[in-house]
Amino acid sequence: MPTGIKVHYRRELDFYKTAFAQRNLPQAWHHLERAHVLAQAWPREHTYVHWRMLLFGIHIKSGREILGQIPRLLVGGVKSFVGNIPVGNTGGANVPPLQPMEIQEDLSEILKAYQIQN
């Protein structure tokens, strides 16, 4: 992951941790989704976000999220490695794992700077 993207990725994870500690779960999830969009092209970071999403699902006792994250954990990093990712997908069990999605404008600008976006 290029340093310029990594800075934003880590910032999203820090925002997630802060919101989670404050028990603002919708805001925490929002930042995990944003971290996922930034991390999709890099196996380690992509897999890590899915791990955090799995732990989030366990915390909120969401069977759907837990079951949805397990295959994403197993396959997400591999798809990043071979360059076959659904650009913009937010990574949660509430969206199909292979569905490309519109990227928020600020994230799109970050990714465009590194020619990551289609």
PDB file of N, CA and C in Angstrom:
ATOM      1  N   MET A   1       0.850  -1.178   0.000  1.00  0.00           N
ATOM      2  CA  MET A   1       0.000   0.000   0.000  1.00  0.00           C
ATOM      3  C   MET A   1       0.896   1.242   0.000  1.00  0.00           C
ATOM      4  N   PRO A   2       0.683   2.134  -0.954  1.00  0.00           N
ATOM      5  CA  PRO A   2       1.481   3.369  -0.971  1.00  0.00           C
ATOM      6  C   PRO A   2       1.287   4.183   0.309  1.00  0.00           C
ATOM      7  N   THR A   3       2.336   4.831   0.720  1.00  0.00           N
ATOM      8  CA  THR A   3       2.308   5.606   1.965  1.00  0.00           C
ATOM      9  C   THR A   3       1.170   6.617   1.978  1.00  0.00           C
ATOM     10  N   GLY A   4       0.932   7.290   0.862  1.00  0.00           N
ATOM     11  CA  GLY A   4      -0.131   8.293   0.806  1.00  0.00           C
ATOM     12  C   GLY A   4      -1.510   7.722   1.074  1.00  0.00           C
ATOM     13  N   ILE A   5      -1.763   6.519   0.624  1.00  0.00           N
ATOM     14  CA  ILE A   5      -3.045   5.873   0.898  1.00  0.00           C
ATOM     15  C   ILE A   5      -3.042   5.314   2.315  1.00  0.00           C
ATOM     16  N   LYS A   6      -1.903   4.771   2.733  1.00  0.00           N
ATOM     17  CA  LYS A   6      -1.817   4.182   4.063  1.00  0.00           C
ATOM     18  C   LYS A   6      -2.144   5.200   5.155  1.00  0.00           C
ATOM     19  N   VAL A   7      -1.740   6.441   4.972  1.00  0.00           N
ATOM     20  CA  VAL A   7      -2.044   7.491   5.944  1.00  0.00           C
ATOM     21  C   VAL A   7      -3.559   7.615   6.122  1.00  0.00           C
ATOM     22  N   HIS A   8      -4.289   7.627   5.024  1.00  0.00           N
ATOM     23  CA  HIS A   8      -5.749   7.760   5.080  1.00  0.00           C
ATOM     24  C   HIS A   8      -6.397   6.486   5.625  1.00  0.00           C
ATOM     25  N   TYR A   9      -5.866   5.348   5.226  1.00  0.00           N
ATOM     26  CA  TYR A   9      -6.359   4.056   5.720  1.00  0.00           C
ATOM     27  C   TYR A   9      -6.221   3.981   7.243  1.00  0.00           C
ATOM     28  N   ARG A  10      -5.047   4.314   7.737  1.00  0.00           N
ATOM     29  CA  ARG A  10      -4.831   4.277   9.190  1.00  0.00           C
ATOM     30  C   ARG A  10      -5.701   5.298   9.909  1.00  0.00           C
ATOM     31  N   ARG A  11      -5.909   6.446   9.292  1.00  0.00           N
ATOM     32  CA  ARG A  11      -6.778   7.463   9.889  1.00  0.00           C
ATOM     33  C   ARG A  11      -8.199   6.921  10.039  1.00  0.00           C
ATOM     34  N   GLU A  12      -8.679   6.236   9.017  1.00  0.00           N
ATOM     35  CA  GLU A  12     -10.024   5.647   9.097  1.00  0.00           C
ATOM     36  C   GLU A  12     -10.084   4.609  10.219  1.00  0.00           C
ATOM     37  N   LEU A  13      -9.039   3.811  10.359  1.00  0.00           N
ATOM     38  CA  LEU A  13      -9.017   2.826  11.447  1.00  0.00           C
ATOM     39  C   LEU A  13      -8.957   3.509  12.811  1.00  0.00           C
ATOM     40  N   ASP A  14      -8.224   4.614  12.907  1.00  0.00           N
ATOM     41  CA  ASP A  14      -8.191   5.369  14.164  1.00  0.00           C
ATOM     42  C   ASP A  14      -9.565   5.955  14.472  1.00  0.00           C
ATOM     43  N   PHE A  15     -10.232   6.497  13.450  1.00  0.00           N
ATOM     44  CA  PHE A  15     -11.591   7.020  13.647  1.00  0.00           C
ATOM     45  C   PHE A  15     -12.536   5.903  14.090  1.00  0.00           C
ATOM     46  N   TYR A  16     -12.355   4.718  13.479  1.00  0.00           N
ATOM     47  CA  TYR A  16     -13.159   3.556  13.880  1.00  0.00           C
ATOM     48  C   TYR A  16     -12.960   3.257  15.366  1.00  0.00           C
ATOM     49  N   LYS A  17     -11.707   3.178  15.783  1.00  0.00           N
ATOM     50  CA  LYS A  17     -11.414   2.830  17.180  1.00  0.00           C
ATOM     51  C   LYS A  17     -11.989   3.860  18.144  1.00  0.00           C
ATOM     52  N   THR A  18     -11.901   5.122  17.794  1.00  0.00           N
ATOM     53  CA  THR A  18     -12.446   6.181  18.648  1.00  0.00           C
ATOM     54  C   THR A  18     -13.960   6.064  18.740  1.00  0.00           C
ATOM     55  N   ALA A  19     -14.618   5.933  17.604  1.00  0.00           N
ATOM     56  CA  ALA A  19     -16.078   5.818  17.602  1.00  0.00           C
ATOM     57  C   ALA A  19     -16.524   4.558  18.346  1.00  0.00           C
ATOM     58  N   PHE A  20     -15.809   3.470  18.162  1.00  0.00           N
ATOM     59  CA  PHE A  20     -16.151   2.221  18.840  1.00  0.00           C
ATOM     60  C   PHE A  20     -16.003   2.384  20.355  1.00  0.00           C
ATOM     61  N   ALA A  21     -14.926   3.023  20.786  1.00  0.00           N
ATOM     62  CA  ALA A  21     -14.700   3.244  22.221  1.00  0.00           C
ATOM     63  C   ALA A  21     -15.784   4.135  22.818  1.00  0.00           C
ATOM     64  N   GLN A  22     -16.304   5.037  22.002  1.00  0.00           N
ATOM     65  CA  GLN A  22     -17.382   5.928  22.458  1.00  0.00           C
ATOM     66  C   GLN A  22     -18.760   5.292  22.296  1.00  0.00           C
ATOM     67  N   ARG A  23     -18.769   4.038  21.853  1.00  0.00           N
ATOM     68  CA  ARG A  23     -19.998   3.272  21.627  1.00  0.00           C
ATOM     69  C   ARG A  23     -20.894   3.874  20.540  1.00  0.00           C
ATOM     70  N   ASN A  24     -20.269   4.592  19.629  1.00  0.00           N
ATOM     71  CA  ASN A  24     -20.985   5.121  18.476  1.00  0.00           C
ATOM     72  C   ASN A  24     -20.814   4.100  17.356  1.00  0.00           C
ATOM     73  N   LEU A  25     -21.585   3.035  17.429  1.00  0.00           N
ATOM     74  CA  LEU A  25     -21.395   1.900  16.523  1.00  0.00           C
ATOM     75  C   LEU A  25     -21.680   2.225  15.064  1.00  0.00           C
ATOM     76  N   PRO A  26     -22.731   3.011  14.745  1.00  0.00           N
ATOM     77  CA  PRO A  26     -22.916   3.353  13.324  1.00  0.00           C
ATOM     78  C   PRO A  26     -21.721   4.121  12.750  1.00  0.00           C
ATOM     79  N   GLN A  27     -21.179   5.042  13.518  1.00  0.00           N
ATOM     80  CA  GLN A  27     -20.023   5.810  13.048  1.00  0.00           C
ATOM     81  C   GLN A  27     -18.794   4.900  12.947  1.00  0.00           C
ATOM     82  N   ALA A  28     -18.623   4.009  13.895  1.00  0.00           N
ATOM     83  CA  ALA A  28     -17.500   3.075  13.853  1.00  0.00           C
ATOM     84  C   ALA A  28     -17.572   2.232  12.576  1.00  0.00           C
ATOM     85  N   TRP A  29     -18.751   1.702  12.279  1.00  0.00           N
ATOM     86  CA  TRP A  29     -18.922   0.877  11.081  1.00  0.00           C
ATOM     87  C   TRP A  29     -18.629   1.691   9.817  1.00  0.00           C
ATOM     88  N   HIS A  30     -19.096   2.909   9.788  1.00  0.00           N
ATOM     89  CA  HIS A  30     -18.857   3.796   8.644  1.00  0.00           C
ATOM     90  C   HIS A  30     -17.354   3.892   8.350  1.00  0.00           C
ATOM     91  N   HIS A  31     -16.557   4.036   9.385  1.00  0.00           N
ATOM     92  CA  HIS A  31     -15.115   4.159   9.178  1.00  0.00           C
ATOM     93  C   HIS A  31     -14.480   2.833   8.772  1.00  0.00           C
ATOM     94  N   LEU A  32     -15.020   1.717   9.217  1.00  0.00           N
ATOM     95  CA  LEU A  32     -14.527   0.425   8.725  1.00  0.00           C
ATOM     96  C   LEU A  32     -14.813   0.282   7.234  1.00  0.00           C
ATOM     97  N   GLU A  33     -15.993   0.698   6.819  1.00  0.00           N
ATOM     98  CA  GLU A  33     -16.329   0.628   5.391  1.00  0.00           C
ATOM     99  C   GLU A  33     -15.382   1.497   4.564  1.00  0.00           C
ATOM    100  N   ARG A  34     -15.098   2.679   5.047  1.00  0.00           N
ATOM    101  CA  ARG A  34     -14.185   3.570   4.331  1.00  0.00           C
ATOM    102  C   ARG A  34     -12.775   2.969   4.286  1.00  0.00           C
ATOM    103  N   ALA A  35     -12.328   2.386   5.383  1.00  0.00           N
ATOM    104  CA  ALA A  35     -11.025   1.722   5.399  1.00  0.00           C
ATOM    105  C   ALA A  35     -11.014   0.578   4.391  1.00  0.00           C
ATOM    106  N   HIS A  36     -12.123  -0.133   4.273  1.00  0.00           N
ATOM    107  CA  HIS A  36     -12.213  -1.240   3.322  1.00  0.00           C
ATOM    108  C   HIS A  36     -12.049  -0.746   1.890  1.00  0.00           C
ATOM    109  N   VAL A  37     -12.727   0.331   1.554  1.00  0.00           N
ATOM    110  CA  VAL A  37     -12.616   0.870   0.198  1.00  0.00           C
ATOM    111  C   VAL A  37     -11.164   1.227  -0.118  1.00  0.00           C
ATOM    112  N   LEU A  38     -10.483   1.826   0.833  1.00  0.00           N
ATOM    113  CA  LEU A  38      -9.087   2.195   0.619  1.00  0.00           C
ATOM    114  C   LEU A  38      -8.168   0.983   0.545  1.00  0.00           C
ATOM    115  N   ALA A  39      -8.499  -0.080   1.241  1.00  0.00           N
ATOM    116  CA  ALA A  39      -7.601  -1.233   1.384  1.00  0.00           C
ATOM    117  C   ALA A  39      -7.785  -2.314   0.340  1.00  0.00           C
ATOM    118  N   GLN A  40      -8.822  -2.255  -0.448  1.00  0.00           N
ATOM    119  CA  GLN A  40      -9.170  -3.373  -1.322  1.00  0.00           C
ATOM    120  C   GLN A  40      -8.047  -3.900  -2.207  1.00  0.00           C
ATOM    121  N   ALA A  41      -7.189  -3.040  -2.667  1.00  0.00           N
ATOM    122  CA  ALA A  41      -6.161  -3.483  -3.619  1.00  0.00           C
ATOM    123  C   ALA A  41      -4.948  -4.142  -2.960  1.00  0.00           C
ATOM    124  N   TRP A  42      -4.884  -4.156  -1.639  1.00  0.00           N
ATOM    125  CA  TRP A  42      -3.717  -4.696  -0.933  1.00  0.00           C
ATOM    126  C   TRP A  42      -4.141  -5.824  -0.002  1.00  0.00           C
ATOM    127  N   PRO A  43      -3.652  -7.042  -0.231  1.00  0.00           N
ATOM    128  CA  PRO A  43      -4.123  -8.214   0.508  1.00  0.00           C
ATOM    129  C   PRO A  43      -4.068  -8.089   2.033  1.00  0.00           C
ATOM    130  N   ARG A  44      -2.959  -7.641   2.583  1.00  0.00           N
ATOM    131  CA  ARG A  44      -2.821  -7.595   4.042  1.00  0.00           C
ATOM    132  C   ARG A  44      -3.819  -6.612   4.658  1.00  0.00           C
ATOM    133  N   GLU A  45      -3.858  -5.411   4.129  1.00  0.00           N
ATOM    134  CA  GLU A  45      -4.738  -4.388   4.672  1.00  0.00           C
ATOM    135  C   GLU A  45      -6.211  -4.746   4.443  1.00  0.00           C
ATOM    136  N   HIS A  46      -6.498  -5.308   3.280  1.00  0.00           N
ATOM    137  CA  HIS A  46      -7.862  -5.726   2.952  1.00  0.00           C
ATOM    138  C   HIS A  46      -8.341  -6.800   3.937  1.00  0.00           C
ATOM    139  N   THR A  47      -7.508  -7.789   4.145  1.00  0.00           N
ATOM    140  CA  THR A  47      -7.854  -8.870   5.070  1.00  0.00           C
ATOM    141  C   THR A  47      -8.010  -8.341   6.486  1.00  0.00           C
ATOM    142  N   TYR A  48      -7.154  -7.418   6.886  1.00  0.00           N
ATOM    143  CA  TYR A  48      -7.250  -6.855   8.230  1.00  0.00           C
ATOM    144  C   TYR A  48      -8.589  -6.155   8.455  1.00  0.00           C
ATOM    145  N   VAL A  49      -9.057  -5.410   7.468  1.00  0.00           N
ATOM    146  CA  VAL A  49     -10.355  -4.739   7.621  1.00  0.00           C
ATOM    147  C   VAL A  49     -11.459  -5.780   7.787  1.00  0.00           C
ATOM    148  N   HIS A  50     -11.400  -6.860   7.011  1.00  0.00           N
ATOM    149  CA  HIS A  50     -12.421  -7.905   7.173  1.00  0.00           C
ATOM    150  C   HIS A  50     -12.328  -8.547   8.567  1.00  0.00           C
ATOM    151  N   TRP A  51     -11.144  -8.688   9.092  1.00  0.00           N
ATOM    152  CA  TRP A  51     -10.976  -9.205  10.452  1.00  0.00           C
ATOM    153  C   TRP A  51     -11.669  -8.275  11.449  1.00  0.00           C
ATOM    154  N   ARG A  52     -11.433  -6.963  11.309  1.00  0.00           N
ATOM    155  CA  ARG A  52     -12.076  -5.990  12.201  1.00  0.00           C
ATOM    156  C   ARG A  52     -13.598  -6.033  12.030  1.00  0.00           C
ATOM    157  N   MET A  53     -14.064  -6.237  10.802  1.00  0.00           N
ATOM    158  CA  MET A  53     -15.506  -6.332  10.558  1.00  0.00           C
ATOM    159  C   MET A  53     -16.081  -7.579  11.223  1.00  0.00           C
ATOM    160  N   LEU A  54     -15.335  -8.675  11.181  1.00  0.00           N
ATOM    161  CA  LEU A  54     -15.773  -9.889  11.863  1.00  0.00           C
ATOM    162  C   LEU A  54     -15.877  -9.644  13.368  1.00  0.00           C
ATOM    163  N   LEU A  55     -14.856  -9.030  13.937  1.00  0.00           N
ATOM    164  CA  LEU A  55     -14.891  -8.738  15.376  1.00  0.00           C
ATOM    165  C   LEU A  55     -16.033  -7.788  15.726  1.00  0.00           C
ATOM    166  N   PHE A  56     -16.306  -6.836  14.859  1.00  0.00           N
ATOM    167  CA  PHE A  56     -17.427  -5.928  15.057  1.00  0.00           C
ATOM    168  C   PHE A  56     -18.735  -6.730  15.066  1.00  0.00           C
ATOM    169  N   GLY A  57     -18.881  -7.638  14.091  1.00  0.00           N
ATOM    170  CA  GLY A  57     -20.079  -8.485  14.024  1.00  0.00           C
ATOM    171  C   GLY A  57     -20.248  -9.319  15.277  1.00  0.00           C
ATOM    172  N   ILE A  58     -19.156  -9.829  15.805  1.00  0.00           N
ATOM    173  CA  ILE A  58     -19.218 -10.597  17.055  1.00  0.00           C
ATOM    174  C   ILE A  58     -19.658  -9.684  18.191  1.00  0.00           C
ATOM    175  N   HIS A  59     -19.092  -8.481  18.246  1.00  0.00           N
ATOM    176  CA  HIS A  59     -19.439  -7.539  19.313  1.00  0.00           C
ATOM    177  C   HIS A  59     -20.931  -7.202  19.312  1.00  0.00           C
ATOM    178  N   ILE A  60     -21.495  -6.974  18.131  1.00  0.00           N
ATOM    179  CA  ILE A  60     -22.918  -6.604  18.071  1.00  0.00           C
ATOM    180  C   ILE A  60     -23.824  -7.834  17.981  1.00  0.00           C
ATOM    181  N   LYS A  61     -23.215  -9.002  18.037  1.00  0.00           N
ATOM    182  CA  LYS A  61     -23.949 -10.275  17.995  1.00  0.00           C
ATOM    183  C   LYS A  61     -24.814 -10.401  16.733  1.00  0.00           C
ATOM    184  N   SER A  62     -24.191 -10.089  15.596  1.00  0.00           N
ATOM    185  CA  SER A  62     -24.873 -10.184  14.311  1.00  0.00           C
ATOM    186  C   SER A  62     -24.426 -11.442  13.588  1.00  0.00           C
ATOM    187  N   GLY A  63     -25.267 -12.455  13.615  1.00  0.00           N
ATOM    188  CA  GLY A  63     -24.955 -13.689  12.910  1.00  0.00           C
ATOM    189  C   GLY A  63     -24.725 -13.453  11.431  1.00  0.00           C
ATOM    190  N   ARG A  64     -25.516 -12.554  10.846  1.00  0.00           N
ATOM    191  CA  ARG A  64     -25.370 -12.262   9.418  1.00  0.00           C
ATOM    192  C   ARG A  64     -23.984 -11.692   9.122  1.00  0.00           C
ATOM    193  N   GLU A  65     -23.536 -10.750   9.963  1.00  0.00           N
ATOM    194  CA  GLU A  65     -22.217 -10.147   9.715  1.00  0.00           C
ATOM    195  C   GLU A  65     -21.100 -11.158   9.958  1.00  0.00           C
ATOM    196  N   ILE A  66     -21.229 -11.942  10.992  1.00  0.00           N
ATOM    197  CA  ILE A  66     -20.211 -12.954  11.293  1.00  0.00           C
ATOM    198  C   ILE A  66     -20.090 -13.934  10.132  1.00  0.00           C
ATOM    199  N   LEU A  67     -21.223 -14.483   9.709  1.00  0.00           N
ATOM    200  CA  LEU A  67     -21.208 -15.454   8.606  1.00  0.00           C
ATOM    201  C   LEU A  67     -20.782 -14.812   7.291  1.00  0.00           C
ATOM    202  N   GLY A  68     -21.107 -13.539   7.108  1.00  0.00           N
ATOM    203  CA  GLY A  68     -20.715 -12.840   5.895  1.00  0.00           C
ATOM    204  C   GLY A  68     -19.235 -12.523   5.835  1.00  0.00           C
ATOM    205  N   GLN A  69     -18.618 -12.322   6.984  1.00  0.00           N
ATOM    206  CA  GLN A  69     -17.197 -11.961   6.995  1.00  0.00           C
ATOM    207  C   GLN A  69     -16.273 -13.163   6.852  1.00  0.00           C
ATOM    208  N   ILE A  70     -16.711 -14.325   7.252  1.00  0.00           N
ATOM    209  CA  ILE A  70     -15.831 -15.504   7.184  1.00  0.00           C
ATOM    210  C   ILE A  70     -15.352 -15.775   5.755  1.00  0.00           C
ATOM    211  N   PRO A  71     -16.255 -15.876   4.753  1.00  0.00           N
ATOM    212  CA  PRO A  71     -15.728 -16.099   3.398  1.00  0.00           C
ATOM    213  C   PRO A  71     -14.934 -14.910   2.870  1.00  0.00           C
ATOM    214  N   ARG A  72     -15.302 -13.709   3.286  1.00  0.00           N
ATOM    215  CA  ARG A  72     -14.546 -12.534   2.855  1.00  0.00           C
ATOM    216  C   ARG A  72     -13.124 -12.577   3.414  1.00  0.00           C
ATOM    217  N   LEU A  73     -12.984 -13.052   4.624  1.00  0.00           N
ATOM    218  CA  LEU A  73     -11.649 -13.211   5.204  1.00  0.00           C
ATOM    219  C   LEU A  73     -10.827 -14.227   4.419  1.00  0.00           C
ATOM    220  N   LEU A  74     -11.472 -15.288   3.993  1.00  0.00           N
ATOM    221  CA  LEU A  74     -10.767 -16.362   3.294  1.00  0.00           C
ATOM    222  C   LEU A  74     -10.397 -15.999   1.859  1.00  0.00           C
ATOM    223  N   VAL A  75     -11.210 -15.155   1.214  1.00  0.00           N
ATOM    224  CA  VAL A  75     -11.039 -14.902  -0.214  1.00  0.00           C
ATOM    225  C   VAL A  75     -10.625 -13.466  -0.528  1.00  0.00           C
ATOM    226  N   GLY A  76     -10.961 -12.521   0.321  1.00  0.00           N
ATOM    227  CA  GLY A  76     -10.716 -11.110   0.028  1.00  0.00           C
ATOM    228  C   GLY A  76      -9.268 -10.791  -0.298  1.00  0.00           C
ATOM    229  N   GLY A  77      -8.359 -11.267   0.521  1.00  0.00           N
ATOM    230  CA  GLY A  77      -6.944 -10.993   0.284  1.00  0.00           C
ATOM    231  C   GLY A  77      -6.441 -11.616  -1.002  1.00  0.00           C
ATOM    232  N   VAL A  78      -6.946 -12.795  -1.325  1.00  0.00           N
ATOM    233  CA  VAL A  78      -6.553 -13.474  -2.565  1.00  0.00           C
ATOM    234  C   VAL A  78      -7.023 -12.654  -3.762  1.00  0.00           C
ATOM    235  N   LYS A  79      -8.251 -12.153  -3.692  1.00  0.00           N
ATOM    236  CA  LYS A  79      -8.771 -11.345  -4.795  1.00  0.00           C
ATOM    237  C   LYS A  79      -7.949 -10.067  -4.949  1.00  0.00           C
ATOM    238  N   SER A  80      -7.501  -9.501  -3.846  1.00  0.00           N
ATOM    239  CA  SER A  80      -6.627  -8.326  -3.922  1.00  0.00           C
ATOM    240  C   SER A  80      -5.317  -8.699  -4.614  1.00  0.00           C
ATOM    241  N   PHE A  81      -4.772  -9.847  -4.247  1.00  0.00           N
ATOM    242  CA  PHE A  81      -3.489 -10.297  -4.776  1.00  0.00           C
ATOM    243  C   PHE A  81      -3.533 -10.470  -6.297  1.00  0.00           C
ATOM    244  N   VAL A  82      -4.642 -11.016  -6.794  1.00  0.00           N
ATOM    245  CA  VAL A  82      -4.753 -11.248  -8.239  1.00  0.00           C
ATOM    246  C   VAL A  82      -5.363 -10.050  -8.967  1.00  0.00           C
ATOM    247  N   GLY A  83      -5.700  -8.993  -8.230  1.00  0.00           N
ATOM    248  CA  GLY A  83      -6.197  -7.771  -8.849  1.00  0.00           C
ATOM    249  C   GLY A  83      -7.636  -7.831  -9.303  1.00  0.00           C
ATOM    250  N   ASN A  84      -8.426  -8.695  -8.691  1.00  0.00           N
ATOM    251  CA  ASN A  84      -9.827  -8.854  -9.079  1.00  0.00           C
ATOM    252  C   ASN A  84     -10.724  -8.386  -7.929  1.00  0.00           C
ATOM    253  N   ILE A  85     -10.896  -7.076  -7.812  1.00  0.00           N
ATOM    254  CA  ILE A  85     -11.687  -6.535  -6.712  1.00  0.00           C
ATOM    255  C   ILE A  85     -12.880  -5.753  -7.248  1.00  0.00           C
ATOM    256  N   PRO A  86     -13.990  -5.772  -6.523  1.00  0.00           N
ATOM    257  CA  PRO A  86     -15.143  -4.947  -6.889  1.00  0.00           C
ATOM    258  C   PRO A  86     -14.928  -3.528  -6.348  1.00  0.00           C
ATOM    259  N   VAL A  87     -14.399  -2.659  -7.169  1.00  0.00           N
ATOM    260  CA  VAL A  87     -14.006  -1.316  -6.748  1.00  0.00           C
ATOM    261  C   VAL A  87     -15.155  -0.631  -6.014  1.00  0.00           C
ATOM    262  N   GLY A  88     -14.826  -0.064  -4.862  1.00  0.00           N
ATOM    263  CA  GLY A  88     -15.787   0.701  -4.080  1.00  0.00           C
ATOM    264  C   GLY A  88     -16.639  -0.104  -3.136  1.00  0.00           C
ATOM    265  N   ASN A  89     -16.603  -1.425  -3.243  1.00  0.00           N
ATOM    266  CA  ASN A  89     -17.422  -2.259  -2.366  1.00  0.00           C
ATOM    267  C   ASN A  89     -17.047  -1.971  -0.915  1.00  0.00           C
ATOM    268  N   THR A  90     -18.061  -1.790  -0.063  1.00  0.00           N
ATOM    269  CA  THR A  90     -17.816  -1.388   1.321  1.00  0.00           C
ATOM    270  C   THR A  90     -17.504  -2.553   2.255  1.00  0.00           C
ATOM    271  N   GLY A  91     -17.642  -3.794   1.793  1.00  0.00           N
ATOM    272  CA  GLY A  91     -17.122  -4.935   2.533  1.00  0.00           C
ATOM    273  C   GLY A  91     -18.009  -5.593   3.563  1.00  0.00           C
ATOM    274  N   GLY A  92     -19.143  -5.026   3.870  1.00  0.00           N
ATOM    275  CA  GLY A  92     -20.021  -5.618   4.872  1.00  0.00           C
ATOM    276  C   GLY A  92     -20.913  -6.702   4.292  1.00  0.00           C
ATOM    277  N   ALA A  93     -21.507  -7.488   5.169  1.00  0.00           N
ATOM    278  CA  ALA A  93     -22.399  -8.563   4.747  1.00  0.00           C
ATOM    279  C   ALA A  93     -23.708  -8.023   4.183  1.00  0.00           C
ATOM    280  N   ASN A  94     -23.935  -6.728   4.304  1.00  0.00           N
ATOM    281  CA  ASN A  94     -25.159  -6.121   3.783  1.00  0.00           C
ATOM    282  C   ASN A  94     -25.086  -5.831   2.287  1.00  0.00           C
ATOM    283  N   VAL A  95     -23.924  -6.083   1.667  1.00  0.00           N
ATOM    284  CA  VAL A  95     -23.781  -5.894   0.221  1.00  0.00           C
ATOM    285  C   VAL A  95     -23.160  -7.142  -0.390  1.00  0.00           C
ATOM    286  N   PRO A  96     -23.538  -7.469  -1.638  1.00  0.00           N
ATOM    287  CA  PRO A  96     -22.916  -8.625  -2.295  1.00  0.00           C
ATOM    288  C   PRO A  96     -21.400  -8.426  -2.394  1.00  0.00           C
ATOM    289  N   PRO A  97     -20.619  -9.471  -2.116  1.00  0.00           N
ATOM    290  CA  PRO A  97     -19.166  -9.319  -2.072  1.00  0.00           C
ATOM    291  C   PRO A  97     -18.516  -8.935  -3.400  1.00  0.00           C
ATOM    292  N   LEU A  98     -19.166  -9.186  -4.517  1.00  0.00           N
ATOM    293  CA  LEU A  98     -18.559  -8.897  -5.814  1.00  0.00           C
ATOM    294  C   LEU A  98     -19.163  -7.671  -6.492  1.00  0.00           C
ATOM    295  N   GLN A  99     -19.997  -6.927  -5.785  1.00  0.00           N
ATOM    296  CA  GLN A  99     -20.689  -5.785  -6.374  1.00  0.00           C
ATOM    297  C   GLN A  99     -19.837  -4.515  -6.314  1.00  0.00           C
ATOM    298  N   PRO A 100     -19.464  -3.977  -7.479  1.00  0.00           N
ATOM    299  CA  PRO A 100     -18.788  -2.676  -7.458  1.00  0.00           C
ATOM    300  C   PRO A 100     -19.770  -1.626  -6.957  1.00  0.00           C
ATOM    301  N   MET A 101     -19.257  -0.605  -6.298  1.00  0.00           N
ATOM    302  CA  MET A 101     -20.111   0.440  -5.748  1.00  0.00           C
ATOM    303  C   MET A 101     -19.484   1.798  -6.027  1.00  0.00           C
ATOM    304  N   GLU A 102     -20.321   2.820  -5.965  1.00  0.00           N
ATOM    305  CA  GLU A 102     -19.821   4.179  -6.118  1.00  0.00           C
ATOM    306  C   GLU A 102     -18.947   4.509  -4.913  1.00  0.00           C
ATOM    307  N   ILE A 103     -17.863   5.204  -5.180  1.00  0.00           N
ATOM    308  CA  ILE A 103     -16.919   5.560  -4.121  1.00  0.00           C
ATOM    309  C   ILE A 103     -17.183   6.994  -3.681  1.00  0.00           C
ATOM    310  N   GLN A 104     -17.174   7.215  -2.380  1.00  0.00           N
ATOM    311  CA  GLN A 104     -17.332   8.571  -1.869  1.00  0.00           C
ATOM    312  C   GLN A 104     -16.259   9.455  -2.495  1.00  0.00           C
ATOM    313  N   GLU A 105     -16.633  10.697  -2.780  1.00  0.00           N
ATOM    314  CA  GLU A 105     -15.760  11.590  -3.546  1.00  0.00           C
ATOM    315  C   GLU A 105     -14.371  11.758  -2.940  1.00  0.00           C
ATOM    316  N   ASP A 106     -14.289  11.931  -1.627  1.00  0.00           N
ATOM    317  CA  ASP A 106     -12.966  12.137  -1.023  1.00  0.00           C
ATOM    318  C   ASP A 106     -12.086  10.897  -1.152  1.00  0.00           C
ATOM    319  N   LEU A 107     -12.679   9.718  -1.000  1.00  0.00           N
ATOM    320  CA  LEU A 107     -11.907   8.478  -1.159  1.00  0.00           C
ATOM    321  C   LEU A 107     -11.517   8.274  -2.619  1.00  0.00           C
ATOM    322  N   SER A 108     -12.410   8.640  -3.511  1.00  0.00           N
ATOM    323  CA  SER A 108     -12.133   8.521  -4.936  1.00  0.00           C
ATOM    324  C   SER A 108     -10.920   9.365  -5.320  1.00  0.00           C
ATOM    325  N   GLU A 109     -10.834  10.568  -4.789  1.00  0.00           N
ATOM    326  CA  GLU A 109      -9.692  11.438  -5.087  1.00  0.00           C
ATOM    327  C   GLU A 109      -8.385  10.832  -4.569  1.00  0.00           C
ATOM    328  N   ILE A 110      -8.438  10.249  -3.385  1.00  0.00           N
ATOM    329  CA  ILE A 110      -7.245   9.607  -2.823  1.00  0.00           C
ATOM    330  C   ILE A 110      -6.792   8.461  -3.726  1.00  0.00           C
ATOM    331  N   LEU A 111      -7.730   7.616  -4.129  1.00  0.00           N
ATOM    332  CA  LEU A 111      -7.392   6.460  -4.963  1.00  0.00           C
ATOM    333  C   LEU A 111      -6.944   6.887  -6.362  1.00  0.00           C
ATOM    334  N   LYS A 112      -7.582   7.900  -6.917  1.00  0.00           N
ATOM    335  CA  LYS A 112      -7.193   8.384  -8.250  1.00  0.00           C
ATOM    336  C   LYS A 112      -5.742   8.871  -8.263  1.00  0.00           C
ATOM    337  N   ALA A 113      -5.328   9.483  -7.174  1.00  0.00           N
ATOM    338  CA  ALA A 113      -3.959   9.980  -7.091  1.00  0.00           C
ATOM    339  C   ALA A 113      -2.936   8.859  -7.277  1.00  0.00           C
ATOM    340  N   TYR A 114      -3.349   7.636  -6.996  1.00  0.00           N
ATOM    341  CA  TYR A 114      -2.460   6.480  -7.121  1.00  0.00           C
ATOM    342  C   TYR A 114      -2.925   5.528  -8.218  1.00  0.00           C
ATOM    343  N   GLN A 115      -3.826   5.994  -9.047  1.00  0.00           N
ATOM    344  CA  GLN A 115      -4.362   5.233 -10.184  1.00  0.00           C
ATOM    345  C   GLN A 115      -4.885   3.872  -9.774  1.00  0.00           C
ATOM    346  N   ILE A 116      -5.647   3.847  -8.658  1.00  0.00           N
ATOM    347  CA  ILE A 116      -6.193   2.584  -8.158  1.00  0.00           C
ATOM    348  C   ILE A 116      -7.617   2.373  -8.660  1.00  0.00           C
ATOM    349  N   GLN A 117      -8.262   3.396  -9.063  1.00  0.00           N
ATOM    350  CA  GLN A 117      -9.673   3.331  -9.417  1.00  0.00           C
ATOM    351  C   GLN A 117      -9.844   3.101 -10.912  1.00  0.00           C
ATOM    352  N   ASN A 118     -10.893   2.360 -11.275  1.00  0.00           N
ATOM    353  CA  ASN A 118     -11.214   2.164 -12.703  1.00  0.00           C
ATOM    354  C   ASN A 118     -11.757   3.436 -13.295  1.00  0.00           C
TER     355      ASN A 118
END
